[in-house]
């Protein structure tokens, strides 16, 4: 499902215009990004948790050149599904 499809679905189910639904989806996603940028986590009860994790330095091999490089450690966003979501998907 694409963002455009989500916006259409939200517009239909919430009886909004596509523009209003698009703004709502954009604000929702932007706020998740803002909270993660601050280093906090986003917990959506019954759905899951968005959080930051530290990724350590790791050696990699570039496939087309066979060159060995080190990917520096960084932070990465991760999603951990909640129990109801896990149950629904099974």
PDB file of N, CA and C in Angstrom:
ATOM      1  N   UNK A   1       0.851  -1.177   0.000  1.00  0.00           N
ATOM      2  CA  UNK A   1       0.000   0.000   0.000  1.00  0.00           C
ATOM      3  C   UNK A   1       0.892   1.235   0.000  1.00  0.00           C
ATOM      4  N   UNK A   2       0.567   2.185  -0.819  1.00  0.00           N
ATOM      5  CA  UNK A   2       1.351   3.410  -0.922  1.00  0.00           C
ATOM      6  C   UNK A   2       0.744   4.517  -0.065  1.00  0.00           C
ATOM      7  N   UNK A   3       1.511   5.583   0.111  1.00  0.00           N
ATOM      8  CA  UNK A   3       1.030   6.724   0.883  1.00  0.00           C
ATOM      9  C   UNK A   3      -0.226   7.306   0.234  1.00  0.00           C
ATOM     10  N   UNK A   4      -0.239   7.348  -1.077  1.00  0.00           N
ATOM     11  CA  UNK A   4      -1.388   7.884  -1.806  1.00  0.00           C
ATOM     12  C   UNK A   4      -2.641   7.046  -1.528  1.00  0.00           C
ATOM     13  N   UNK A   5      -2.473   5.736  -1.491  1.00  0.00           N
ATOM     14  CA  UNK A   5      -3.601   4.852  -1.196  1.00  0.00           C
ATOM     15  C   UNK A   5      -4.075   5.027   0.238  1.00  0.00           C
ATOM     16  N   UNK A   6      -3.145   5.223   1.161  1.00  0.00           N
ATOM     17  CA  UNK A   6      -3.517   5.450   2.567  1.00  0.00           C
ATOM     18  C   UNK A   6      -4.316   6.747   2.684  1.00  0.00           C
ATOM     19  N   UNK A   7      -3.868   7.785   1.995  1.00  0.00           N
ATOM     20  CA  UNK A   7      -4.580   9.067   2.032  1.00  0.00           C
ATOM     21  C   UNK A   7      -5.990   8.911   1.488  1.00  0.00           C
ATOM     22  N   UNK A   8      -6.154   8.188   0.393  1.00  0.00           N
ATOM     23  CA  UNK A   8      -7.492   7.962  -0.171  1.00  0.00           C
ATOM     24  C   UNK A   8      -8.373   7.193   0.800  1.00  0.00           C
ATOM     25  N   UNK A   9      -7.819   6.192   1.452  1.00  0.00           N
ATOM     26  CA  UNK A   9      -8.564   5.395   2.418  1.00  0.00           C
ATOM     27  C   UNK A   9      -8.987   6.241   3.619  1.00  0.00           C
ATOM     28  N   UNK A  10      -8.065   7.052   4.138  1.00  0.00           N
ATOM     29  CA  UNK A  10      -8.380   7.927   5.269  1.00  0.00           C
ATOM     30  C   UNK A  10      -9.456   8.937   4.856  1.00  0.00           C
ATOM     31  N   UNK A  11      -9.344   9.491   3.664  1.00  0.00           N
ATOM     32  CA  UNK A  11     -10.333  10.463   3.184  1.00  0.00           C
ATOM     33  C   UNK A  11     -11.720   9.834   3.124  1.00  0.00           C
ATOM     34  N   UNK A  12     -11.785   8.613   2.624  1.00  0.00           N
ATOM     35  CA  UNK A  12     -13.071   7.937   2.496  1.00  0.00           C
ATOM     36  C   UNK A  12     -13.651   7.578   3.860  1.00  0.00           C
ATOM     37  N   UNK A  13     -12.858   6.948   4.709  1.00  0.00           N
ATOM     38  CA  UNK A  13     -13.366   6.460   5.995  1.00  0.00           C
ATOM     39  C   UNK A  13     -13.641   7.581   6.991  1.00  0.00           C
ATOM     40  N   UNK A  14     -12.890   8.683   6.925  1.00  0.00           N
ATOM     41  CA  UNK A  14     -13.077   9.787   7.871  1.00  0.00           C
ATOM     42  C   UNK A  14     -13.942  10.908   7.288  1.00  0.00           C
ATOM     43  N   UNK A  15     -14.462  10.682   6.086  1.00  0.00           N
ATOM     44  CA  UNK A  15     -15.298  11.676   5.410  1.00  0.00           C
ATOM     45  C   UNK A  15     -14.590  13.024   5.298  1.00  0.00           C
ATOM     46  N   UNK A  16     -13.352  12.978   4.808  1.00  0.00           N
ATOM     47  CA  UNK A  16     -12.543  14.178   4.610  1.00  0.00           C
ATOM     48  C   UNK A  16     -12.238  14.335   3.128  1.00  0.00           C
ATOM     49  N   UNK A  17     -11.789  15.533   2.779  1.00  0.00           N
ATOM     50  CA  UNK A  17     -11.288  15.710   1.423  1.00  0.00           C
ATOM     51  C   UNK A  17      -9.919  15.038   1.353  1.00  0.00           C
ATOM     52  N   UNK A  18      -9.485  14.754   0.141  1.00  0.00           N
ATOM     53  CA  UNK A  18      -8.160  14.135  -0.005  1.00  0.00           C
ATOM     54  C   UNK A  18      -7.070  15.082   0.483  1.00  0.00           C
ATOM     55  N   UNK A  19      -7.268  16.385   0.301  1.00  0.00           N
ATOM     56  CA  UNK A  19      -6.285  17.362   0.770  1.00  0.00           C
ATOM     57  C   UNK A  19      -6.175  17.331   2.294  1.00  0.00           C
ATOM     58  N   UNK A  20      -7.321  17.323   2.980  1.00  0.00           N
ATOM     59  CA  UNK A  20      -7.327  17.292   4.447  1.00  0.00           C
ATOM     60  C   UNK A  20      -6.736  15.981   4.959  1.00  0.00           C
ATOM     61  N   UNK A  21      -7.090  14.879   4.322  1.00  0.00           N
ATOM     62  CA  UNK A  21      -6.547  13.579   4.724  1.00  0.00           C
ATOM     63  C   UNK A  21      -5.042  13.543   4.490  1.00  0.00           C
ATOM     64  N   UNK A  22      -4.587  14.117   3.378  1.00  0.00           N
ATOM     65  CA  UNK A  22      -3.158  14.170   3.077  1.00  0.00           C
ATOM     66  C   UNK A  22      -2.398  14.970   4.117  1.00  0.00           C
ATOM     67  N   UNK A  23      -2.969  16.106   4.540  1.00  0.00           N
ATOM     68  CA  UNK A  23      -2.339  16.923   5.564  1.00  0.00           C
ATOM     69  C   UNK A  23      -2.283  16.178   6.890  1.00  0.00           C
ATOM     70  N   UNK A  24      -3.349  15.456   7.222  1.00  0.00           N
ATOM     71  CA  UNK A  24      -3.392  14.702   8.474  1.00  0.00           C
ATOM     72  C   UNK A  24      -2.331  13.605   8.481  1.00  0.00           C
ATOM     73  N   UNK A  25      -2.223  12.878   7.393  1.00  0.00           N
ATOM     74  CA  UNK A  25      -1.222  11.809   7.293  1.00  0.00           C
ATOM     75  C   UNK A  25       0.184  12.403   7.344  1.00  0.00           C
ATOM     76  N   UNK A  26       0.398  13.507   6.636  1.00  0.00           N
ATOM     77  CA  UNK A  26       1.715  14.155   6.645  1.00  0.00           C
ATOM     78  C   UNK A  26       2.103  14.637   8.039  1.00  0.00           C
ATOM     79  N   UNK A  27       1.163  15.248   8.761  1.00  0.00           N
ATOM     80  CA  UNK A  27       1.437  15.726  10.120  1.00  0.00           C
ATOM     81  C   UNK A  27       1.741  14.554  11.039  1.00  0.00           C
ATOM     82  N   UNK A  28       0.970  13.486  10.919  1.00  0.00           N
ATOM     83  CA  UNK A  28       1.182  12.296  11.746  1.00  0.00           C
ATOM     84  C   UNK A  28       2.589  11.732  11.532  1.00  0.00           C
ATOM     85  N   UNK A  29       2.979  11.568  10.287  1.00  0.00           N
ATOM     86  CA  UNK A  29       4.302  11.024   9.986  1.00  0.00           C
ATOM     87  C   UNK A  29       5.423  11.982  10.405  1.00  0.00           C
ATOM     88  N   UNK A  30       5.206  13.279  10.199  1.00  0.00           N
ATOM     89  CA  UNK A  30       6.215  14.265  10.586  1.00  0.00           C
ATOM     90  C   UNK A  30       6.430  14.273  12.100  1.00  0.00           C
ATOM     91  N   UNK A  31       5.368  14.112  12.848  1.00  0.00           N
ATOM     92  CA  UNK A  31       5.503  14.092  14.308  1.00  0.00           C
ATOM     93  C   UNK A  31       6.233  12.845  14.793  1.00  0.00           C
ATOM     94  N   UNK A  32       6.024  11.724  14.129  1.00  0.00           N
ATOM     95  CA  UNK A  32       6.789  10.517  14.470  1.00  0.00           C
ATOM     96  C   UNK A  32       8.274  10.779  14.236  1.00  0.00           C
ATOM     97  N   UNK A  33       8.602  11.398  13.116  1.00  0.00           N
ATOM     98  CA  UNK A  33       9.998  11.721  12.799  1.00  0.00           C
ATOM     99  C   UNK A  33      10.573  12.684  13.834  1.00  0.00           C
ATOM    100  N   UNK A  34       9.813  13.702  14.210  1.00  0.00           N
ATOM    101  CA  UNK A  34      10.291  14.685  15.203  1.00  0.00           C
ATOM    102  C   UNK A  34      10.581  14.038  16.552  1.00  0.00           C
ATOM    103  N   UNK A  35       9.712  13.146  16.983  1.00  0.00           N
ATOM    104  CA  UNK A  35       9.911  12.480  18.269  1.00  0.00           C
ATOM    105  C   UNK A  35      11.148  11.587  18.196  1.00  0.00           C
ATOM    106  N   UNK A  36      11.306  10.841  17.116  1.00  0.00           N
ATOM    107  CA  UNK A  36      12.486   9.983  16.961  1.00  0.00           C
ATOM    108  C   UNK A  36      13.763  10.810  16.886  1.00  0.00           C
ATOM    109  N   UNK A  37      13.687  11.953  16.219  1.00  0.00           N
ATOM    110  CA  UNK A  37      14.859  12.833  16.099  1.00  0.00           C
ATOM    111  C   UNK A  37      15.322  13.299  17.474  1.00  0.00           C
ATOM    112  N   UNK A  38      14.383  13.489  18.400  1.00  0.00           N
ATOM    113  CA  UNK A  38      14.722  13.902  19.767  1.00  0.00           C
ATOM    114  C   UNK A  38      15.301  12.749  20.588  1.00  0.00           C
ATOM    115  N   UNK A  39      15.173  11.530  20.072  1.00  0.00           N
ATOM    116  CA  UNK A  39      15.696  10.373  20.784  1.00  0.00           C
ATOM    117  C   UNK A  39      14.658   9.627  21.602  1.00  0.00           C
ATOM    118  N   UNK A  40      13.407  10.054  21.530  1.00  0.00           N
ATOM    119  CA  UNK A  40      12.334   9.386  22.261  1.00  0.00           C
ATOM    120  C   UNK A  40      11.728   8.282  21.403  1.00  0.00           C
ATOM    121  N   UNK A  41      10.829   7.506  22.004  1.00  0.00           N
ATOM    122  CA  UNK A  41      10.156   6.474  21.229  1.00  0.00           C
ATOM    123  C   UNK A  41       8.678   6.808  21.104  1.00  0.00           C
ATOM    124  N   UNK A  42       8.039   6.251  20.083  1.00  0.00           N
ATOM    125  CA  UNK A  42       6.619   6.466  19.834  1.00  0.00           C
ATOM    126  C   UNK A  42       5.906   5.145  20.068  1.00  0.00           C
ATOM    127  N   UNK A  43       4.997   5.130  21.034  1.00  0.00           N
ATOM    128  CA  UNK A  43       4.257   3.916  21.363  1.00  0.00           C
ATOM    129  C   UNK A  43       2.811   4.100  20.927  1.00  0.00           C
ATOM    130  N   UNK A  44       2.349   3.268  20.012  1.00  0.00           N
ATOM    131  CA  UNK A  44       0.964   3.279  19.564  1.00  0.00           C
ATOM    132  C   UNK A  44       0.316   2.005  20.114  1.00  0.00           C
ATOM    133  N   UNK A  45      -0.454   2.153  21.174  1.00  0.00           N
ATOM    134  CA  UNK A  45      -1.046   0.993  21.852  1.00  0.00           C
ATOM    135  C   UNK A  45      -1.826   0.124  20.873  1.00  0.00           C
ATOM    136  N   UNK A  46      -1.583  -1.165  20.945  1.00  0.00           N
ATOM    137  CA  UNK A  46      -2.271  -2.110  20.076  1.00  0.00           C
ATOM    138  C   UNK A  46      -1.674  -2.219  18.693  1.00  0.00           C
ATOM    139  N   UNK A  47      -0.704  -1.384  18.381  1.00  0.00           N
ATOM    140  CA  UNK A  47      -0.098  -1.403  17.047  1.00  0.00           C
ATOM    141  C   UNK A  47       1.383  -1.735  17.132  1.00  0.00           C
ATOM    142  N   UNK A  48       2.150  -0.879  17.822  1.00  0.00           N
ATOM    143  CA  UNK A  48       3.570  -1.143  17.952  1.00  0.00           C
ATOM    144  C   UNK A  48       4.337   0.071  18.426  1.00  0.00           C
ATOM    145  N   UNK A  49       5.670  -0.051  18.388  1.00  0.00           N
ATOM    146  CA  UNK A  49       6.550   0.994  18.888  1.00  0.00           C
ATOM    147  C   UNK A  49       7.618   1.335  17.856  1.00  0.00           C
ATOM    148  N   UNK A  50       7.799   2.621  17.613  1.00  0.00           N
ATOM    149  CA  UNK A  50       8.897   3.115  16.791  1.00  0.00           C
ATOM    150  C   UNK A  50       9.977   3.587  17.749  1.00  0.00           C
ATOM    151  N   UNK A  51      11.216   3.134  17.567  1.00  0.00           N
ATOM    152  CA  UNK A  51      12.292   3.563  18.448  1.00  0.00           C
ATOM    153  C   UNK A  51      13.609   3.609  17.682  1.00  0.00           C
ATOM    154  N   UNK A  52      14.600   4.267  18.310  1.00  0.00           N
ATOM    155  CA  UNK A  52      15.931   4.333  17.720  1.00  0.00           C
ATOM    156  C   UNK A  52      16.819   3.269  18.346  1.00  0.00           C
ATOM    157  N   UNK A  53      17.659   2.675  17.532  1.00  0.00           N
ATOM    158  CA  UNK A  53      18.642   1.725  18.045  1.00  0.00           C
ATOM    159  C   UNK A  53      20.014   2.139  17.539  1.00  0.00           C
ATOM    160  N   UNK A  54      21.036   1.780  18.292  1.00  0.00           N
ATOM    161  CA  UNK A  54      22.407   2.050  17.875  1.00  0.00           C
ATOM    162  C   UNK A  54      22.901   0.882  17.030  1.00  0.00           C
ATOM    163  N   UNK A  55      23.463   1.205  15.880  1.00  0.00           N
ATOM    164  CA  UNK A  55      24.049   0.196  15.002  1.00  0.00           C
ATOM    165  C   UNK A  55      25.560   0.335  15.132  1.00  0.00           C
ATOM    166  N   UNK A  56      26.240  -0.758  15.435  1.00  0.00           N
ATOM    167  CA  UNK A  56      27.689  -0.730  15.626  1.00  0.00           C
ATOM    168  C   UNK A  56      28.412  -0.695  14.278  1.00  0.00           C
ATOM    169  N   UNK A  57      29.716  -0.313  14.322  1.00  0.00           N
ATOM    170  CA  UNK A  57      30.551  -0.398  13.127  1.00  0.00           C
ATOM    171  C   UNK A  57      30.552  -1.845  12.641  1.00  0.00           C
ATOM    172  N   UNK A  58      30.532  -2.027  11.326  1.00  0.00           N
ATOM    173  CA  UNK A  58      30.617  -3.395  10.836  1.00  0.00           C
ATOM    174  C   UNK A  58      31.347  -3.434   9.499  1.00  0.00           C
ATOM    175  N   UNK A  59      32.105  -4.492   9.280  1.00  0.00           N
ATOM    176  CA  UNK A  59      32.818  -4.631   8.011  1.00  0.00           C
ATOM    177  C   UNK A  59      31.861  -5.158   6.933  1.00  0.00           C
ATOM    178  N   UNK A  60      32.009  -4.625   5.729  1.00  0.00           N
ATOM    179  CA  UNK A  60      31.208  -5.087   4.596  1.00  0.00           C
ATOM    180  C   UNK A  60      32.116  -5.260   3.385  1.00  0.00           C
ATOM    181  N   UNK A  61      31.641  -6.018   2.412  1.00  0.00           N
ATOM    182  CA  UNK A  61      32.354  -6.181   1.151  1.00  0.00           C
ATOM    183  C   UNK A  61      31.454  -5.634   0.057  1.00  0.00           C
ATOM    184  N   UNK A  62      31.970  -4.683  -0.730  1.00  0.00           N
ATOM    185  CA  UNK A  62      31.216  -4.106  -1.834  1.00  0.00           C
ATOM    186  C   UNK A  62      31.151  -5.170  -2.927  1.00  0.00           C
ATOM    187  N   UNK A  63      29.959  -5.628  -3.302  1.00  0.00           N
ATOM    188  CA  UNK A  63      29.838  -6.766  -4.219  1.00  0.00           C
ATOM    189  C   UNK A  63      30.522  -6.610  -5.579  1.00  0.00           C
ATOM    190  N   UNK A  64      30.382  -5.469  -6.214  1.00  0.00           N
ATOM    191  CA  UNK A  64      30.927  -5.360  -7.565  1.00  0.00           C
ATOM    192  C   UNK A  64      32.425  -5.081  -7.608  1.00  0.00           C
ATOM    193  N   UNK A  65      33.010  -4.582  -6.516  1.00  0.00           N
ATOM    194  CA  UNK A  65      34.456  -4.312  -6.512  1.00  0.00           C
ATOM    195  C   UNK A  65      35.223  -5.247  -5.581  1.00  0.00           C
ATOM    196  N   UNK A  66      34.518  -6.004  -4.763  1.00  0.00           N
ATOM    197  CA  UNK A  66      35.109  -6.907  -3.760  1.00  0.00           C
ATOM    198  C   UNK A  66      35.971  -6.154  -2.740  1.00  0.00           C
ATOM    199  N   UNK A  67      35.760  -4.851  -2.650  1.00  0.00           N
ATOM    200  CA  UNK A  67      36.518  -4.016  -1.719  1.00  0.00           C
ATOM    201  C   UNK A  67      35.930  -4.133  -0.316  1.00  0.00           C
ATOM    202  N   UNK A  68      36.789  -4.227   0.678  1.00  0.00           N
ATOM    203  CA  UNK A  68      36.348  -4.289   2.074  1.00  0.00           C
ATOM    204  C   UNK A  68      36.280  -2.870   2.631  1.00  0.00           C
ATOM    205  N   UNK A  69      35.168  -2.571   3.302  1.00  0.00           N
ATOM    206  CA  UNK A  69      34.966  -1.264   3.907  1.00  0.00           C
ATOM    207  C   UNK A  69      34.359  -1.458   5.289  1.00  0.00           C
ATOM    208  N   UNK A  70      34.402  -0.392   6.069  1.00  0.00           N
ATOM    209  CA  UNK A  70      33.762  -0.377   7.384  1.00  0.00           C
ATOM    210  C   UNK A  70      32.600   0.619   7.323  1.00  0.00           C
ATOM    211  N   UNK A  71      31.417   0.139   7.661  1.00  0.00           N
ATOM    212  CA  UNK A  71      30.263   1.028   7.764  1.00  0.00           C
ATOM    213  C   UNK A  71      30.261   1.540   9.197  1.00  0.00           C
ATOM    214  N   UNK A  72      30.341   2.856   9.343  1.00  0.00           N
ATOM    215  CA  UNK A  72      30.413   3.461  10.669  1.00  0.00           C
ATOM    216  C   UNK A  72      29.113   3.270  11.435  1.00  0.00           C
ATOM    217  N   UNK A  73      29.240   3.222  12.744  1.00  0.00           N
ATOM    218  CA  UNK A  73      28.073   3.094  13.602  1.00  0.00           C
ATOM    219  C   UNK A  73      27.160   4.303  13.457  1.00  0.00           C
ATOM    220  N   UNK A  74      25.892   4.063  13.624  1.00  0.00           N
ATOM    221  CA  UNK A  74      24.908   5.136  13.491  1.00  0.00           C
ATOM    222  C   UNK A  74      23.635   4.729  14.220  1.00  0.00           C
ATOM    223  N   UNK A  75      22.676   5.616  14.238  1.00  0.00           N
ATOM    224  CA  UNK A  75      21.370   5.305  14.817  1.00  0.00           C
ATOM    225  C   UNK A  75      20.431   4.944  13.670  1.00  0.00           C
ATOM    226  N   UNK A  76      19.518   4.011  13.951  1.00  0.00           N
ATOM    227  CA  UNK A  76      18.552   3.597  12.937  1.00  0.00           C
ATOM    228  C   UNK A  76      17.172   3.484  13.583  1.00  0.00           C
ATOM    229  N   UNK A  77      16.158   3.844  12.830  1.00  0.00           N
ATOM    230  CA  UNK A  77      14.788   3.719  13.311  1.00  0.00           C
ATOM    231  C   UNK A  77      14.339   2.271  13.150  1.00  0.00           C
ATOM    232  N   UNK A  78      13.665   1.774  14.160  1.00  0.00           N
ATOM    233  CA  UNK A  78      13.162   0.407  14.143  1.00  0.00           C
ATOM    234  C   UNK A  78      11.701   0.408  14.576  1.00  0.00           C
ATOM    235  N   UNK A  79      10.954  -0.561  14.068  1.00  0.00           N
ATOM    236  CA  UNK A  79       9.556  -0.738  14.465  1.00  0.00           C
ATOM    237  C   UNK A  79       9.415  -2.102  15.102  1.00  0.00           C
ATOM    238  N   UNK A  80       8.808  -2.133  16.282  1.00  0.00           N
ATOM    239  CA  UNK A  80       8.541  -3.384  16.974  1.00  0.00           C
ATOM    240  C   UNK A  80       7.019  -3.526  17.064  1.00  0.00           C
ATOM    241  N   UNK A  81       6.452  -4.526  16.386  1.00  0.00           N
ATOM    242  CA  UNK A  81       4.996  -4.669  16.406  1.00  0.00           C
ATOM    243  C   UNK A  81       4.487  -5.089  17.776  1.00  0.00           C
ATOM    244  N   UNK A  82       3.293  -4.612  18.119  1.00  0.00           N
ATOM    245  CA  UNK A  82       2.658  -4.989  19.378  1.00  0.00           C
ATOM    246  C   UNK A  82       1.974  -6.346  19.259  1.00  0.00           C
ATOM    247  N   UNK A  83       1.567  -6.908  20.374  1.00  0.00           N
ATOM    248  CA  UNK A  83       0.933  -8.235  20.387  1.00  0.00           C
ATOM    249  C   UNK A  83      -0.321  -8.307  19.520  1.00  0.00           C
ATOM    250  N   UNK A  84      -1.233  -7.315  19.585  1.00  0.00           N
ATOM    251  CA  UNK A  84      -2.431  -7.391  18.741  1.00  0.00           C
ATOM    252  C   UNK A  84      -2.091  -7.411  17.235  1.00  0.00           C
ATOM    253  N   UNK A  85      -1.079  -6.648  16.837  1.00  0.00           N
ATOM    254  CA  UNK A  85      -0.682  -6.647  15.427  1.00  0.00           C
ATOM    255  C   UNK A  85      -0.076  -7.987  15.033  1.00  0.00           C
ATOM    256  N   UNK A  86       0.754  -8.545  15.916  1.00  0.00           N
ATOM    257  CA  UNK A  86       1.350  -9.846  15.644  1.00  0.00           C
ATOM    258  C   UNK A  86       0.258 -10.909  15.484  1.00  0.00           C
ATOM    259  N   UNK A  87      -0.736 -10.854  16.375  1.00  0.00           N
ATOM    260  CA  UNK A  87      -1.843 -11.818  16.321  1.00  0.00           C
ATOM    261  C   UNK A  87      -2.649 -11.670  15.032  1.00  0.00           C
ATOM    262  N   UNK A  88      -2.921 -10.433  14.640  1.00  0.00           N
ATOM    263  CA  UNK A  88      -3.713 -10.164  13.451  1.00  0.00           C
ATOM    264  C   UNK A  88      -3.022 -10.639  12.176  1.00  0.00           C
ATOM    265  N   UNK A  89      -1.710 -10.595  12.166  1.00  0.00           N
ATOM    266  CA  UNK A  89      -0.964 -10.960  10.959  1.00  0.00           C
ATOM    267  C   UNK A  89      -0.789 -12.478  10.841  1.00  0.00           C
ATOM    268  N   UNK A  90      -0.796 -13.180  11.981  1.00  0.00           N
ATOM    269  CA  UNK A  90      -0.604 -14.639  11.942  1.00  0.00           C
ATOM    270  C   UNK A  90      -1.688 -15.291  11.210  1.00  0.00           C
TER     271      UNK A  90
END
